[in-house]
């Protein structure tokens, strides 16, 4: 995580290079921004890696920085790559599969009074 001043500038290319996926799991996640109502997480994944079905308590977005991914929700596969952004409402169960080694920004937002860790 970076300085929590009123303005943060994050070099995403440097962060992707710094946080390569773990050898055993094929993925790695690092929180870049953390506030009461927002998280921005950098996720790096190797091809063939899957984030099993899960949901989040708040609205989420996934924005690929590199690579290609399949985001599956409500029985529909959405192939996404750099230049795309996908959003899911709170509680929507989804799976993320990596087609090509890559990285994405995961943003989670919720009402400031909601409970979360």
PDB file of N, CA and C in Angstrom:
ATOM      1  N   UNK A   1       0.844  -1.162   0.000  1.00  0.00           N
ATOM      2  CA  UNK A   1       0.000   0.000   0.000  1.00  0.00           C
ATOM      3  C   UNK A   1       0.894   1.231   0.000  1.00  0.00           C
ATOM      4  N   UNK A   2       0.359   2.330  -0.495  1.00  0.00           N
ATOM      5  CA  UNK A   2       1.153   3.539  -0.656  1.00  0.00           C
ATOM      6  C   UNK A   2       0.728   4.609   0.327  1.00  0.00           C
ATOM      7  N   UNK A   3       1.474   5.689   0.328  1.00  0.00           N
ATOM      8  CA  UNK A   3       1.182   6.842   1.176  1.00  0.00           C
ATOM      9  C   UNK A   3      -0.305   7.157   1.132  1.00  0.00           C
ATOM     10  N   UNK A   4      -0.907   7.370   2.294  1.00  0.00           N
ATOM     11  CA  UNK A   4      -2.339   7.598   2.369  1.00  0.00           C
ATOM     12  C   UNK A   4      -2.696   9.070   2.426  1.00  0.00           C
ATOM     13  N   UNK A   5      -1.880   9.927   1.803  1.00  0.00           N
ATOM     14  CA  UNK A   5      -2.184  11.347   1.737  1.00  0.00           C
ATOM     15  C   UNK A   5      -3.411  11.589   0.875  1.00  0.00           C
ATOM     16  N   UNK A   6      -3.780  12.851   0.693  1.00  0.00           N
ATOM     17  CA  UNK A   6      -4.987  13.167  -0.070  1.00  0.00           C
ATOM     18  C   UNK A   6      -4.873  12.832  -1.553  1.00  0.00           C
ATOM     19  N   UNK A   7      -3.658  12.738  -2.072  1.00  0.00           N
ATOM     20  CA  UNK A   7      -3.442  12.387  -3.475  1.00  0.00           C
ATOM     21  C   UNK A   7      -2.419  11.253  -3.519  1.00  0.00           C
ATOM     22  N   UNK A   8      -2.721  10.238  -4.323  1.00  0.00           N
ATOM     23  CA  UNK A   8      -1.788   9.132  -4.515  1.00  0.00           C
ATOM     24  C   UNK A   8      -1.542   8.956  -6.000  1.00  0.00           C
ATOM     25  N   UNK A   9      -0.303   8.798  -6.385  1.00  0.00           N
ATOM     26  CA  UNK A   9       0.049   8.486  -7.762  1.00  0.00           C
ATOM     27  C   UNK A   9       0.759   7.139  -7.724  1.00  0.00           C
ATOM     28  N   UNK A  10       0.252   6.200  -8.490  1.00  0.00           N
ATOM     29  CA  UNK A  10       0.786   4.839  -8.480  1.00  0.00           C
ATOM     30  C   UNK A  10       1.246   4.487  -9.885  1.00  0.00           C
ATOM     31  N   UNK A  11       2.474   4.050 -10.010  1.00  0.00           N
ATOM     32  CA  UNK A  11       3.032   3.611 -11.289  1.00  0.00           C
ATOM     33  C   UNK A  11       2.602   2.152 -11.486  1.00  0.00           C
ATOM     34  N   UNK A  12       1.550   1.944 -12.256  1.00  0.00           N
ATOM     35  CA  UNK A  12       0.984   0.599 -12.400  1.00  0.00           C
ATOM     36  C   UNK A  12       1.941  -0.374 -13.076  1.00  0.00           C
ATOM     37  N   UNK A  13       2.697   0.086 -14.068  1.00  0.00           N
ATOM     38  CA  UNK A  13       3.652  -0.811 -14.721  1.00  0.00           C
ATOM     39  C   UNK A  13       4.695  -1.307 -13.719  1.00  0.00           C
ATOM     40  N   UNK A  14       5.182  -0.413 -12.882  1.00  0.00           N
ATOM     41  CA  UNK A  14       6.171  -0.810 -11.870  1.00  0.00           C
ATOM     42  C   UNK A  14       5.559  -1.783 -10.870  1.00  0.00           C
ATOM     43  N   UNK A  15       4.320  -1.557 -10.492  1.00  0.00           N
ATOM     44  CA  UNK A  15       3.648  -2.453  -9.538  1.00  0.00           C
ATOM     45  C   UNK A  15       3.447  -3.840 -10.144  1.00  0.00           C
ATOM     46  N   UNK A  16       3.040  -3.907 -11.404  1.00  0.00           N
ATOM     47  CA  UNK A  16       2.867  -5.210 -12.065  1.00  0.00           C
ATOM     48  C   UNK A  16       4.200  -5.950 -12.096  1.00  0.00           C
ATOM     49  N   UNK A  17       5.275  -5.244 -12.438  1.00  0.00           N
ATOM     50  CA  UNK A  17       6.603  -5.877 -12.474  1.00  0.00           C
ATOM     51  C   UNK A  17       7.034  -6.351 -11.092  1.00  0.00           C
ATOM     52  N   UNK A  18       6.661  -5.621 -10.061  1.00  0.00           N
ATOM     53  CA  UNK A  18       7.062  -5.935  -8.689  1.00  0.00           C
ATOM     54  C   UNK A  18       6.287  -7.118  -8.107  1.00  0.00           C
ATOM     55  N   UNK A  19       5.027  -7.270  -8.483  1.00  0.00           N
ATOM     56  CA  UNK A  19       4.172  -8.291  -7.880  1.00  0.00           C
ATOM     57  C   UNK A  19       3.838  -9.400  -8.876  1.00  0.00           C
ATOM     58  N   UNK A  20       4.843 -10.192  -9.212  1.00  0.00           N
ATOM     59  CA  UNK A  20       4.629 -11.309 -10.132  1.00  0.00           C
ATOM     60  C   UNK A  20       3.805 -12.395  -9.426  1.00  0.00           C
ATOM     61  N   UNK A  21       3.054 -13.177 -10.193  1.00  0.00           N
ATOM     62  CA  UNK A  21       2.236 -14.225  -9.574  1.00  0.00           C
ATOM     63  C   UNK A  21       3.073 -15.225  -8.788  1.00  0.00           C
ATOM     64  N   UNK A  22       2.483 -15.749  -7.724  1.00  0.00           N
ATOM     65  CA  UNK A  22       3.095 -16.776  -6.889  1.00  0.00           C
ATOM     66  C   UNK A  22       3.265 -18.049  -7.712  1.00  0.00           C
ATOM     67  N   UNK A  23       4.371 -18.749  -7.511  1.00  0.00           N
ATOM     68  CA  UNK A  23       4.631 -19.964  -8.260  1.00  0.00           C
ATOM     69  C   UNK A  23       3.622 -21.066  -8.011  1.00  0.00           C
ATOM     70  N   UNK A  24       3.181 -21.243  -6.767  1.00  0.00           N
ATOM     71  CA  UNK A  24       2.274 -22.340  -6.421  1.00  0.00           C
ATOM     72  C   UNK A  24       0.848 -22.078  -6.891  1.00  0.00           C
ATOM     73  N   UNK A  25       0.332 -20.890  -6.614  1.00  0.00           N
ATOM     74  CA  UNK A  25      -1.066 -20.607  -6.933  1.00  0.00           C
ATOM     75  C   UNK A  25      -1.251 -20.002  -8.323  1.00  0.00           C
ATOM     76  N   UNK A  26      -0.198 -19.408  -8.878  1.00  0.00           N
ATOM     77  CA  UNK A  26      -0.301 -18.775 -10.183  1.00  0.00           C
ATOM     78  C   UNK A  26      -0.951 -17.405 -10.140  1.00  0.00           C
ATOM     79  N   UNK A  27      -1.092 -16.850  -8.938  1.00  0.00           N
ATOM     80  CA  UNK A  27      -1.714 -15.528  -8.822  1.00  0.00           C
ATOM     81  C   UNK A  27      -1.145 -14.793  -7.616  1.00  0.00           C
ATOM     82  N   UNK A  28      -1.379 -13.490  -7.620  1.00  0.00           N
ATOM     83  CA  UNK A  28      -0.962 -12.664  -6.492  1.00  0.00           C
ATOM     84  C   UNK A  28      -1.840 -11.424  -6.475  1.00  0.00           C
ATOM     85  N   UNK A  29      -2.170 -10.961  -5.298  1.00  0.00           N
ATOM     86  CA  UNK A  29      -2.960  -9.730  -5.194  1.00  0.00           C
ATOM     87  C   UNK A  29      -2.340  -8.829  -4.134  1.00  0.00           C
ATOM     88  N   UNK A  30      -2.320  -7.544  -4.441  1.00  0.00           N
ATOM     89  CA  UNK A  30      -1.758  -6.544  -3.546  1.00  0.00           C
ATOM     90  C   UNK A  30      -2.695  -5.345  -3.517  1.00  0.00           C
ATOM     91  N   UNK A  31      -3.069  -4.905  -2.331  1.00  0.00           N
ATOM     92  CA  UNK A  31      -3.930  -3.739  -2.184  1.00  0.00           C
ATOM     93  C   UNK A  31      -3.110  -2.480  -2.436  1.00  0.00           C
ATOM     94  N   UNK A  32      -3.569  -1.665  -3.385  1.00  0.00           N
ATOM     95  CA  UNK A  32      -2.886  -0.422  -3.720  1.00  0.00           C
ATOM     96  C   UNK A  32      -3.526   0.775  -3.029  1.00  0.00           C
ATOM     97  N   UNK A  33      -4.849   0.733  -2.868  1.00  0.00           N
ATOM     98  CA  UNK A  33      -5.582   1.818  -2.208  1.00  0.00           C
ATOM     99  C   UNK A  33      -6.573   1.179  -1.242  1.00  0.00           C
ATOM    100  N   UNK A  34      -6.609   1.691  -0.008  1.00  0.00           N
ATOM    101  CA  UNK A  34      -7.529   1.150   0.992  1.00  0.00           C
ATOM    102  C   UNK A  34      -8.105   2.310   1.796  1.00  0.00           C
ATOM    103  N   UNK A  35      -9.436   2.481   1.688  1.00  0.00           N
ATOM    104  CA  UNK A  35     -10.138   3.482   2.488  1.00  0.00           C
ATOM    105  C   UNK A  35     -11.364   2.808   3.098  1.00  0.00           C
ATOM    106  N   UNK A  36     -12.157   3.567   3.861  1.00  0.00           N
ATOM    107  CA  UNK A  36     -13.350   2.993   4.494  1.00  0.00           C
ATOM    108  C   UNK A  36     -14.336   2.417   3.483  1.00  0.00           C
ATOM    109  N   UNK A  37     -14.420   2.999   2.297  1.00  0.00           N
ATOM    110  CA  UNK A  37     -15.453   2.594   1.351  1.00  0.00           C
ATOM    111  C   UNK A  37     -14.919   2.167  -0.013  1.00  0.00           C
ATOM    112  N   UNK A  38     -13.602   1.958  -0.121  1.00  0.00           N
ATOM    113  CA  UNK A  38     -13.011   1.638  -1.422  1.00  0.00           C
ATOM    114  C   UNK A  38     -11.748   0.810  -1.259  1.00  0.00           C
ATOM    115  N   UNK A  39     -11.579  -0.169  -2.135  1.00  0.00           N
ATOM    116  CA  UNK A  39     -10.325  -0.918  -2.240  1.00  0.00           C
ATOM    117  C   UNK A  39      -9.973  -0.967  -3.723  1.00  0.00           C
ATOM    118  N   UNK A  40      -8.695  -0.757  -4.022  1.00  0.00           N
ATOM    119  CA  UNK A  40      -8.174  -0.980  -5.365  1.00  0.00           C
ATOM    120  C   UNK A  40      -7.059  -1.993  -5.203  1.00  0.00           C
ATOM    121  N   UNK A  41      -7.234  -3.137  -5.863  1.00  0.00           N
ATOM    122  CA  UNK A  41      -6.316  -4.256  -5.698  1.00  0.00           C
ATOM    123  C   UNK A  41      -5.716  -4.599  -7.059  1.00  0.00           C
ATOM    124  N   UNK A  42      -4.409  -4.770  -7.090  1.00  0.00           N
ATOM    125  CA  UNK A  42      -3.727  -5.239  -8.286  1.00  0.00           C
ATOM    126  C   UNK A  42      -3.650  -6.758  -8.197  1.00  0.00           C
ATOM    127  N   UNK A  43      -4.144  -7.430  -9.228  1.00  0.00           N
ATOM    128  CA  UNK A  43      -4.107  -8.900  -9.269  1.00  0.00           C
ATOM    129  C   UNK A  43      -3.292  -9.305 -10.490  1.00  0.00           C
ATOM    130  N   UNK A  44      -2.273 -10.143 -10.279  1.00  0.00           N
ATOM    131  CA  UNK A  44      -1.498 -10.706 -11.382  1.00  0.00           C
ATOM    132  C   UNK A  44      -1.767 -12.208 -11.419  1.00  0.00           C
ATOM    133  N   UNK A  45      -1.912 -12.736 -12.639  1.00  0.00           N
ATOM    134  CA  UNK A  45      -2.251 -14.160 -12.785  1.00  0.00           C
ATOM    135  C   UNK A  45      -1.541 -14.761 -13.995  1.00  0.00           C
ATOM    136  N   UNK A  46      -1.151 -16.015 -13.854  1.00  0.00           N
ATOM    137  CA  UNK A  46      -0.570 -16.759 -14.968  1.00  0.00           C
ATOM    138  C   UNK A  46      -1.695 -17.420 -15.780  1.00  0.00           C
ATOM    139  N   UNK A  47      -1.435 -17.660 -17.052  1.00  0.00           N
ATOM    140  CA  UNK A  47      -2.396 -18.333 -17.931  1.00  0.00           C
ATOM    141  C   UNK A  47      -2.810 -19.661 -17.303  1.00  0.00           C
ATOM    142  N   UNK A  48      -4.084 -19.967 -17.394  1.00  0.00           N
ATOM    143  CA  UNK A  48      -4.613 -21.217 -16.861  1.00  0.00           C
ATOM    144  C   UNK A  48      -5.042 -21.144 -15.411  1.00  0.00           C
ATOM    145  N   UNK A  49      -4.801 -20.022 -14.746  1.00  0.00           N
ATOM    146  CA  UNK A  49      -5.176 -19.858 -13.346  1.00  0.00           C
ATOM    147  C   UNK A  49      -6.643 -19.421 -13.254  1.00  0.00           C
ATOM    148  N   UNK A  50      -7.344 -19.912 -12.231  1.00  0.00           N
ATOM    149  CA  UNK A  50      -8.750 -19.580 -12.036  1.00  0.00           C
ATOM    150  C   UNK A  50      -8.983 -19.063 -10.623  1.00  0.00           C
ATOM    151  N   UNK A  51      -9.750 -18.000 -10.521  1.00  0.00           N
ATOM    152  CA  UNK A  51     -10.281 -17.561  -9.230  1.00  0.00           C
ATOM    153  C   UNK A  51     -11.649 -18.220  -9.133  1.00  0.00           C
ATOM    154  N   UNK A  52     -11.793 -19.171  -8.230  1.00  0.00           N
ATOM    155  CA  UNK A  52     -13.035 -19.924  -8.103  1.00  0.00           C
ATOM    156  C   UNK A  52     -14.221 -18.999  -7.821  1.00  0.00           C
ATOM    157  N   UNK A  53     -15.409 -19.524  -8.006  1.00  0.00           N
ATOM    158  CA  UNK A  53     -16.627 -18.726  -7.839  1.00  0.00           C
ATOM    159  C   UNK A  53     -16.649 -18.042  -6.473  1.00  0.00           C
ATOM    160  N   UNK A  54     -16.952 -16.752  -6.510  1.00  0.00           N
ATOM    161  CA  UNK A  54     -17.007 -15.944  -5.292  1.00  0.00           C
ATOM    162  C   UNK A  54     -17.885 -14.724  -5.568  1.00  0.00           C
ATOM    163  N   UNK A  55     -18.139 -13.949  -4.536  1.00  0.00           N
ATOM    164  CA  UNK A  55     -18.878 -12.697  -4.694  1.00  0.00           C
ATOM    165  C   UNK A  55     -18.243 -11.672  -3.762  1.00  0.00           C
ATOM    166  N   UNK A  56     -18.666 -10.429  -3.910  1.00  0.00           N
ATOM    167  CA  UNK A  56     -18.162  -9.355  -3.055  1.00  0.00           C
ATOM    168  C   UNK A  56     -19.350  -8.611  -2.464  1.00  0.00           C
ATOM    169  N   UNK A  57     -19.172  -8.013  -1.287  1.00  0.00           N
ATOM    170  CA  UNK A  57     -20.283  -7.327  -0.629  1.00  0.00           C
ATOM    171  C   UNK A  57     -20.638  -5.981  -1.251  1.00  0.00           C
ATOM    172  N   UNK A  58     -19.775  -5.480  -2.122  1.00  0.00           N
ATOM    173  CA  UNK A  58     -20.041  -4.183  -2.756  1.00  0.00           C
ATOM    174  C   UNK A  58     -19.904  -4.291  -4.258  1.00  0.00           C
ATOM    175  N   UNK A  59     -20.122  -3.193  -4.936  1.00  0.00           N
ATOM    176  CA  UNK A  59     -19.929  -3.145  -6.379  1.00  0.00           C
ATOM    177  C   UNK A  59     -18.456  -3.357  -6.690  1.00  0.00           C
ATOM    178  N   UNK A  60     -18.178  -4.155  -7.725  1.00  0.00           N
ATOM    179  CA  UNK A  60     -16.799  -4.402  -8.136  1.00  0.00           C
ATOM    180  C   UNK A  60     -16.622  -4.069  -9.599  1.00  0.00           C
ATOM    181  N   UNK A  61     -15.395  -3.678  -9.944  1.00  0.00           N
ATOM    182  CA  UNK A  61     -15.024  -3.560 -11.348  1.00  0.00           C
ATOM    183  C   UNK A  61     -13.721  -4.309 -11.545  1.00  0.00           C
ATOM    184  N   UNK A  62     -13.529  -4.788 -12.756  1.00  0.00           N
ATOM    185  CA  UNK A  62     -12.304  -5.469 -13.146  1.00  0.00           C
ATOM    186  C   UNK A  62     -11.836  -4.808 -14.430  1.00  0.00           C
ATOM    187  N   UNK A  63     -10.589  -4.317 -14.426  1.00  0.00           N
ATOM    188  CA  UNK A  63     -10.028  -3.620 -15.577  1.00  0.00           C
ATOM    189  C   UNK A  63      -8.669  -4.232 -15.912  1.00  0.00           C
ATOM    190  N   UNK A  64      -8.596  -5.043 -16.982  1.00  0.00           N
ATOM    191  CA  UNK A  64      -7.312  -5.645 -17.358  1.00  0.00           C
ATOM    192  C   UNK A  64      -6.282  -4.584 -17.760  1.00  0.00           C
ATOM    193  N   UNK A  65      -5.061  -4.779 -17.273  1.00  0.00           N
ATOM    194  CA  UNK A  65      -3.931  -3.936 -17.660  1.00  0.00           C
ATOM    195  C   UNK A  65      -3.091  -4.638 -18.721  1.00  0.00           C
ATOM    196  N   UNK A  66      -3.067  -5.972 -18.656  1.00  0.00           N
ATOM    197  CA  UNK A  66      -2.354  -6.800 -19.631  1.00  0.00           C
ATOM    198  C   UNK A  66      -3.001  -8.181 -19.612  1.00  0.00           C
ATOM    199  N   UNK A  67      -2.764  -8.970 -20.659  1.00  0.00           N
ATOM    200  CA  UNK A  67      -3.303 -10.322 -20.720  1.00  0.00           C
ATOM    201  C   UNK A  67      -4.745 -10.372 -21.170  1.00  0.00           C
ATOM    202  N   UNK A  68      -5.324 -11.582 -21.067  1.00  0.00           N
ATOM    203  CA  UNK A  68      -6.734 -11.804 -21.425  1.00  0.00           C
ATOM    204  C   UNK A  68      -7.368 -12.680 -20.362  1.00  0.00           C
ATOM    205  N   UNK A  69      -8.638 -12.394 -20.068  1.00  0.00           N
ATOM    206  CA  UNK A  69      -9.362 -13.071 -18.998  1.00  0.00           C
ATOM    207  C   UNK A  69     -10.768 -13.406 -19.454  1.00  0.00           C
ATOM    208  N   UNK A  70     -11.372 -14.395 -18.792  1.00  0.00           N
ATOM    209  CA  UNK A  70     -12.799 -14.675 -18.961  1.00  0.00           C
ATOM    210  C   UNK A  70     -13.454 -14.459 -17.605  1.00  0.00           C
ATOM    211  N   UNK A  71     -14.419 -13.554 -17.568  1.00  0.00           N
ATOM    212  CA  UNK A  71     -15.202 -13.244 -16.376  1.00  0.00           C
ATOM    213  C   UNK A  71     -16.555 -13.890 -16.608  1.00  0.00           C
ATOM    214  N   UNK A  72     -16.910 -14.887 -15.785  1.00  0.00           N
ATOM    215  CA  UNK A  72     -18.168 -15.608 -15.951  1.00  0.00           C
ATOM    216  C   UNK A  72     -19.100 -15.270 -14.802  1.00  0.00           C
ATOM    217  N   UNK A  73     -20.292 -14.782 -15.148  1.00  0.00           N
ATOM    218  CA  UNK A  73     -21.311 -14.447 -14.157  1.00  0.00           C
ATOM    219  C   UNK A  73     -22.680 -14.732 -14.749  1.00  0.00           C
ATOM    220  N   UNK A  74     -23.555 -15.276 -13.928  1.00  0.00           N
ATOM    221  CA  UNK A  74     -24.920 -15.580 -14.337  1.00  0.00           C
ATOM    222  C   UNK A  74     -24.959 -16.384 -15.630  1.00  0.00           C
ATOM    223  N   UNK A  75     -24.006 -17.336 -15.759  1.00  0.00           N
ATOM    224  CA  UNK A  75     -23.983 -18.244 -16.899  1.00  0.00           C
ATOM    225  C   UNK A  75     -23.466 -17.640 -18.190  1.00  0.00           C
ATOM    226  N   UNK A  76     -22.939 -16.421 -18.143  1.00  0.00           N
ATOM    227  CA  UNK A  76     -22.448 -15.770 -19.355  1.00  0.00           C
ATOM    228  C   UNK A  76     -20.951 -15.524 -19.220  1.00  0.00           C
ATOM    229  N   UNK A  77     -20.193 -15.933 -20.266  1.00  0.00           N
ATOM    230  CA  UNK A  77     -18.754 -15.699 -20.312  1.00  0.00           C
ATOM    231  C   UNK A  77     -18.483 -14.376 -21.012  1.00  0.00           C
ATOM    232  N   UNK A  78     -17.657 -13.556 -20.392  1.00  0.00           N
ATOM    233  CA  UNK A  78     -17.260 -12.273 -20.964  1.00  0.00           C
ATOM    234  C   UNK A  78     -15.750 -12.290 -21.099  1.00  0.00           C
ATOM    235  N   UNK A  79     -15.225 -12.335 -22.330  1.00  0.00           N
ATOM    236  CA  UNK A  79     -13.785 -12.269 -22.517  1.00  0.00           C
ATOM    237  C   UNK A  79     -13.381 -10.803 -22.489  1.00  0.00           C
ATOM    238  N   UNK A  80     -12.405 -10.488 -21.619  1.00  0.00           N
ATOM    239  CA  UNK A  80     -11.976  -9.096 -21.478  1.00  0.00           C
ATOM    240  C   UNK A  80     -10.467  -8.994 -21.577  1.00  0.00           C
ATOM    241  N   UNK A  81     -10.007  -7.834 -22.056  1.00  0.00           N
ATOM    242  CA  UNK A  81      -8.592  -7.564 -22.277  1.00  0.00           C
ATOM    243  C   UNK A  81      -8.350  -6.087 -22.004  1.00  0.00           C
ATOM    244  N   UNK A  82      -7.097  -5.631 -22.063  1.00  0.00           N
ATOM    245  CA  UNK A  82      -6.834  -4.207 -21.840  1.00  0.00           C
ATOM    246  C   UNK A  82      -7.744  -3.341 -22.714  1.00  0.00           C
ATOM    247  N   UNK A  83      -8.262  -2.297 -22.111  1.00  0.00           N
ATOM    248  CA  UNK A  83      -9.220  -1.431 -22.798  1.00  0.00           C
ATOM    249  C   UNK A  83     -10.653  -1.725 -22.404  1.00  0.00           C
ATOM    250  N   UNK A  84     -10.881  -2.881 -21.746  1.00  0.00           N
ATOM    251  CA  UNK A  84     -12.213  -3.258 -21.284  1.00  0.00           C
ATOM    252  C   UNK A  84     -12.355  -2.988 -19.788  1.00  0.00           C
ATOM    253  N   UNK A  85     -13.582  -2.840 -19.361  1.00  0.00           N
ATOM    254  CA  UNK A  85     -13.922  -2.700 -17.950  1.00  0.00           C
ATOM    255  C   UNK A  85     -15.223  -3.449 -17.743  1.00  0.00           C
ATOM    256  N   UNK A  86     -15.270  -4.307 -16.729  1.00  0.00           N
ATOM    257  CA  UNK A  86     -16.509  -5.028 -16.419  1.00  0.00           C
ATOM    258  C   UNK A  86     -16.889  -4.705 -14.980  1.00  0.00           C
ATOM    259  N   UNK A  87     -18.180  -4.594 -14.729  1.00  0.00           N
ATOM    260  CA  UNK A  87     -18.684  -4.240 -13.398  1.00  0.00           C
ATOM    261  C   UNK A  87     -19.688  -5.287 -12.947  1.00  0.00           C
ATOM    262  N   UNK A  88     -19.678  -5.585 -11.654  1.00  0.00           N
ATOM    263  CA  UNK A  88     -20.644  -6.529 -11.081  1.00  0.00           C
ATOM    264  C   UNK A  88     -21.292  -5.890  -9.857  1.00  0.00           C
ATOM    265  N   UNK A  89     -22.588  -6.058  -9.747  1.00  0.00           N
ATOM    266  CA  UNK A  89     -23.339  -5.539  -8.599  1.00  0.00           C
ATOM    267  C   UNK A  89     -22.972  -6.333  -7.344  1.00  0.00           C
ATOM    268  N   UNK A  90     -23.247  -5.769  -6.174  1.00  0.00           N
ATOM    269  CA  UNK A  90     -22.962  -6.494  -4.929  1.00  0.00           C
ATOM    270  C   UNK A  90     -23.610  -7.879  -4.921  1.00  0.00           C
ATOM    271  N   UNK A  91     -22.858  -8.869  -4.464  1.00  0.00           N
ATOM    272  CA  UNK A  91     -23.393 -10.218  -4.304  1.00  0.00           C
ATOM    273  C   UNK A  91     -23.429 -11.068  -5.558  1.00  0.00           C
ATOM    274  N   UNK A  92     -23.077 -10.536  -6.721  1.00  0.00           N
ATOM    275  CA  UNK A  92     -23.095 -11.330  -7.955  1.00  0.00           C
ATOM    276  C   UNK A  92     -21.947 -12.339  -7.904  1.00  0.00           C
ATOM    277  N   UNK A  93     -22.293 -13.624  -8.001  1.00  0.00           N
ATOM    278  CA  UNK A  93     -21.279 -14.678  -7.976  1.00  0.00           C
ATOM    279  C   UNK A  93     -20.610 -14.742  -9.345  1.00  0.00           C
ATOM    280  N   UNK A  94     -19.274 -14.877  -9.335  1.00  0.00           N
ATOM    281  CA  UNK A  94     -18.546 -14.881 -10.591  1.00  0.00           C
ATOM    282  C   UNK A  94     -17.243 -15.675 -10.461  1.00  0.00           C
ATOM    283  N   UNK A  95     -16.692 -16.030 -11.617  1.00  0.00           N
ATOM    284  CA  UNK A  95     -15.434 -16.768 -11.733  1.00  0.00           C
ATOM    285  C   UNK A  95     -14.546 -15.970 -12.687  1.00  0.00           C
ATOM    286  N   UNK A  96     -13.235 -15.945 -12.416  1.00  0.00           N
ATOM    287  CA  UNK A  96     -12.289 -15.302 -13.318  1.00  0.00           C
ATOM    288  C   UNK A  96     -11.262 -16.346 -13.743  1.00  0.00           C
ATOM    289  N   UNK A  97     -11.096 -16.499 -15.061  1.00  0.00           N
ATOM    290  CA  UNK A  97     -10.104 -17.418 -15.608  1.00  0.00           C
ATOM    291  C   UNK A  97      -9.118 -16.616 -16.446  1.00  0.00           C
ATOM    292  N   UNK A  98      -7.841 -17.008 -16.395  1.00  0.00           N
ATOM    293  CA  UNK A  98      -6.814 -16.330 -17.164  1.00  0.00           C
ATOM    294  C   UNK A  98      -6.532 -17.109 -18.439  1.00  0.00           C
ATOM    295  N   UNK A  99      -6.677 -16.443 -19.578  1.00  0.00           N
ATOM    296  CA  UNK A  99      -6.372 -17.049 -20.874  1.00  0.00           C
ATOM    297  C   UNK A  99      -4.901 -16.814 -21.217  1.00  0.00           C
ATOM    298  N   UNK A 100      -4.421 -15.610 -20.909  1.00  0.00           N
ATOM    299  CA  UNK A 100      -3.057 -15.208 -21.209  1.00  0.00           C
ATOM    300  C   UNK A 100      -2.498 -14.492 -19.980  1.00  0.00           C
ATOM    301  N   UNK A 101      -1.260 -14.812 -19.568  1.00  0.00           N
ATOM    302  CA  UNK A 101      -0.651 -14.138 -18.409  1.00  0.00           C
ATOM    303  C   UNK A 101      -1.051 -12.672 -18.398  1.00  0.00           C
ATOM    304  N   UNK A 102      -1.401 -12.169 -17.225  1.00  0.00           N
ATOM    305  CA  UNK A 102      -1.789 -10.774 -17.194  1.00  0.00           C
ATOM    306  C   UNK A 102      -1.990 -10.221 -15.802  1.00  0.00           C
ATOM    307  N   UNK A 103      -2.481  -8.987 -15.798  1.00  0.00           N
ATOM    308  CA  UNK A 103      -2.740  -8.261 -14.558  1.00  0.00           C
ATOM    309  C   UNK A 103      -4.015  -7.452 -14.740  1.00  0.00           C
ATOM    310  N   UNK A 104      -4.743  -7.255 -13.629  1.00  0.00           N
ATOM    311  CA  UNK A 104      -5.920  -6.395 -13.686  1.00  0.00           C
ATOM    312  C   UNK A 104      -6.076  -5.634 -12.384  1.00  0.00           C
ATOM    313  N   UNK A 105      -6.805  -4.531 -12.483  1.00  0.00           N
ATOM    314  CA  UNK A 105      -7.177  -3.774 -11.302  1.00  0.00           C
ATOM    315  C   UNK A 105      -8.566  -4.205 -10.888  1.00  0.00           C
ATOM    316  N   UNK A 106      -8.694  -4.570  -9.649  1.00  0.00           N
ATOM    317  CA  UNK A 106      -9.978  -4.921  -9.055  1.00  0.00           C
ATOM    318  C   UNK A 106     -10.350  -3.776  -8.118  1.00  0.00           C
ATOM    319  N   UNK A 107     -11.490  -3.170  -8.371  1.00  0.00           N
ATOM    320  CA  UNK A 107     -11.965  -2.084  -7.513  1.00  0.00           C
ATOM    321  C   UNK A 107     -13.215  -2.550  -6.806  1.00  0.00           C
ATOM    322  N   UNK A 108     -13.249  -2.401  -5.486  1.00  0.00           N
ATOM    323  CA  UNK A 108     -14.405  -2.771  -4.679  1.00  0.00           C
ATOM    324  C   UNK A 108     -14.881  -1.526  -3.948  1.00  0.00           C
ATOM    325  N   UNK A 109     -16.164  -1.231  -4.084  1.00  0.00           N
ATOM    326  CA  UNK A 109     -16.729  -0.044  -3.433  1.00  0.00           C
ATOM    327  C   UNK A 109     -18.012  -0.443  -2.719  1.00  0.00           C
ATOM    328  N   UNK A 110     -18.262   0.175  -1.579  1.00  0.00           N
ATOM    329  CA  UNK A 110     -19.481  -0.088  -0.826  1.00  0.00           C
ATOM    330  C   UNK A 110     -19.811   1.145  -0.002  1.00  0.00           C
ATOM    331  N   UNK A 111     -20.978   1.184   0.531  1.00  0.00           N
ATOM    332  CA  UNK A 111     -21.403   2.304   1.383  1.00  0.00           C
ATOM    333  C   UNK A 111     -20.484   2.347   2.593  1.00  0.00           C
ATOM    334  N   UNK A 112     -20.056   3.514   2.984  1.00  0.00           N
ATOM    335  CA  UNK A 112     -19.088   3.680   4.070  1.00  0.00           C
ATOM    336  C   UNK A 112     -19.530   3.046   5.381  1.00  0.00           C
ATOM    337  N   UNK A 113     -20.848   2.895   5.593  1.00  0.00           N
ATOM    338  CA  UNK A 113     -21.345   2.305   6.828  1.00  0.00           C
ATOM    339  C   UNK A 113     -21.465   0.791   6.782  1.00  0.00           C
ATOM    340  N   UNK A 114     -21.222   0.193   5.609  1.00  0.00           N
ATOM    341  CA  UNK A 114     -21.328  -1.257   5.474  1.00  0.00           C
ATOM    342  C   UNK A 114     -20.169  -1.927   6.196  1.00  0.00           C
ATOM    343  N   UNK A 115     -20.380  -3.167   6.633  1.00  0.00           N
ATOM    344  CA  UNK A 115     -19.302  -3.865   7.322  1.00  0.00           C
ATOM    345  C   UNK A 115     -18.431  -4.580   6.303  1.00  0.00           C
ATOM    346  N   UNK A 116     -17.120  -4.542   6.490  1.00  0.00           N
ATOM    347  CA  UNK A 116     -16.130  -5.203   5.639  1.00  0.00           C
ATOM    348  C   UNK A 116     -14.826  -5.268   6.422  1.00  0.00           C
ATOM    349  N   UNK A 117     -13.850  -6.053   5.897  1.00  0.00           N
ATOM    350  CA  UNK A 117     -12.562  -6.106   6.597  1.00  0.00           C
ATOM    351  C   UNK A 117     -11.510  -5.307   5.920  1.00  0.00           C
TER     352      UNK A 117
END
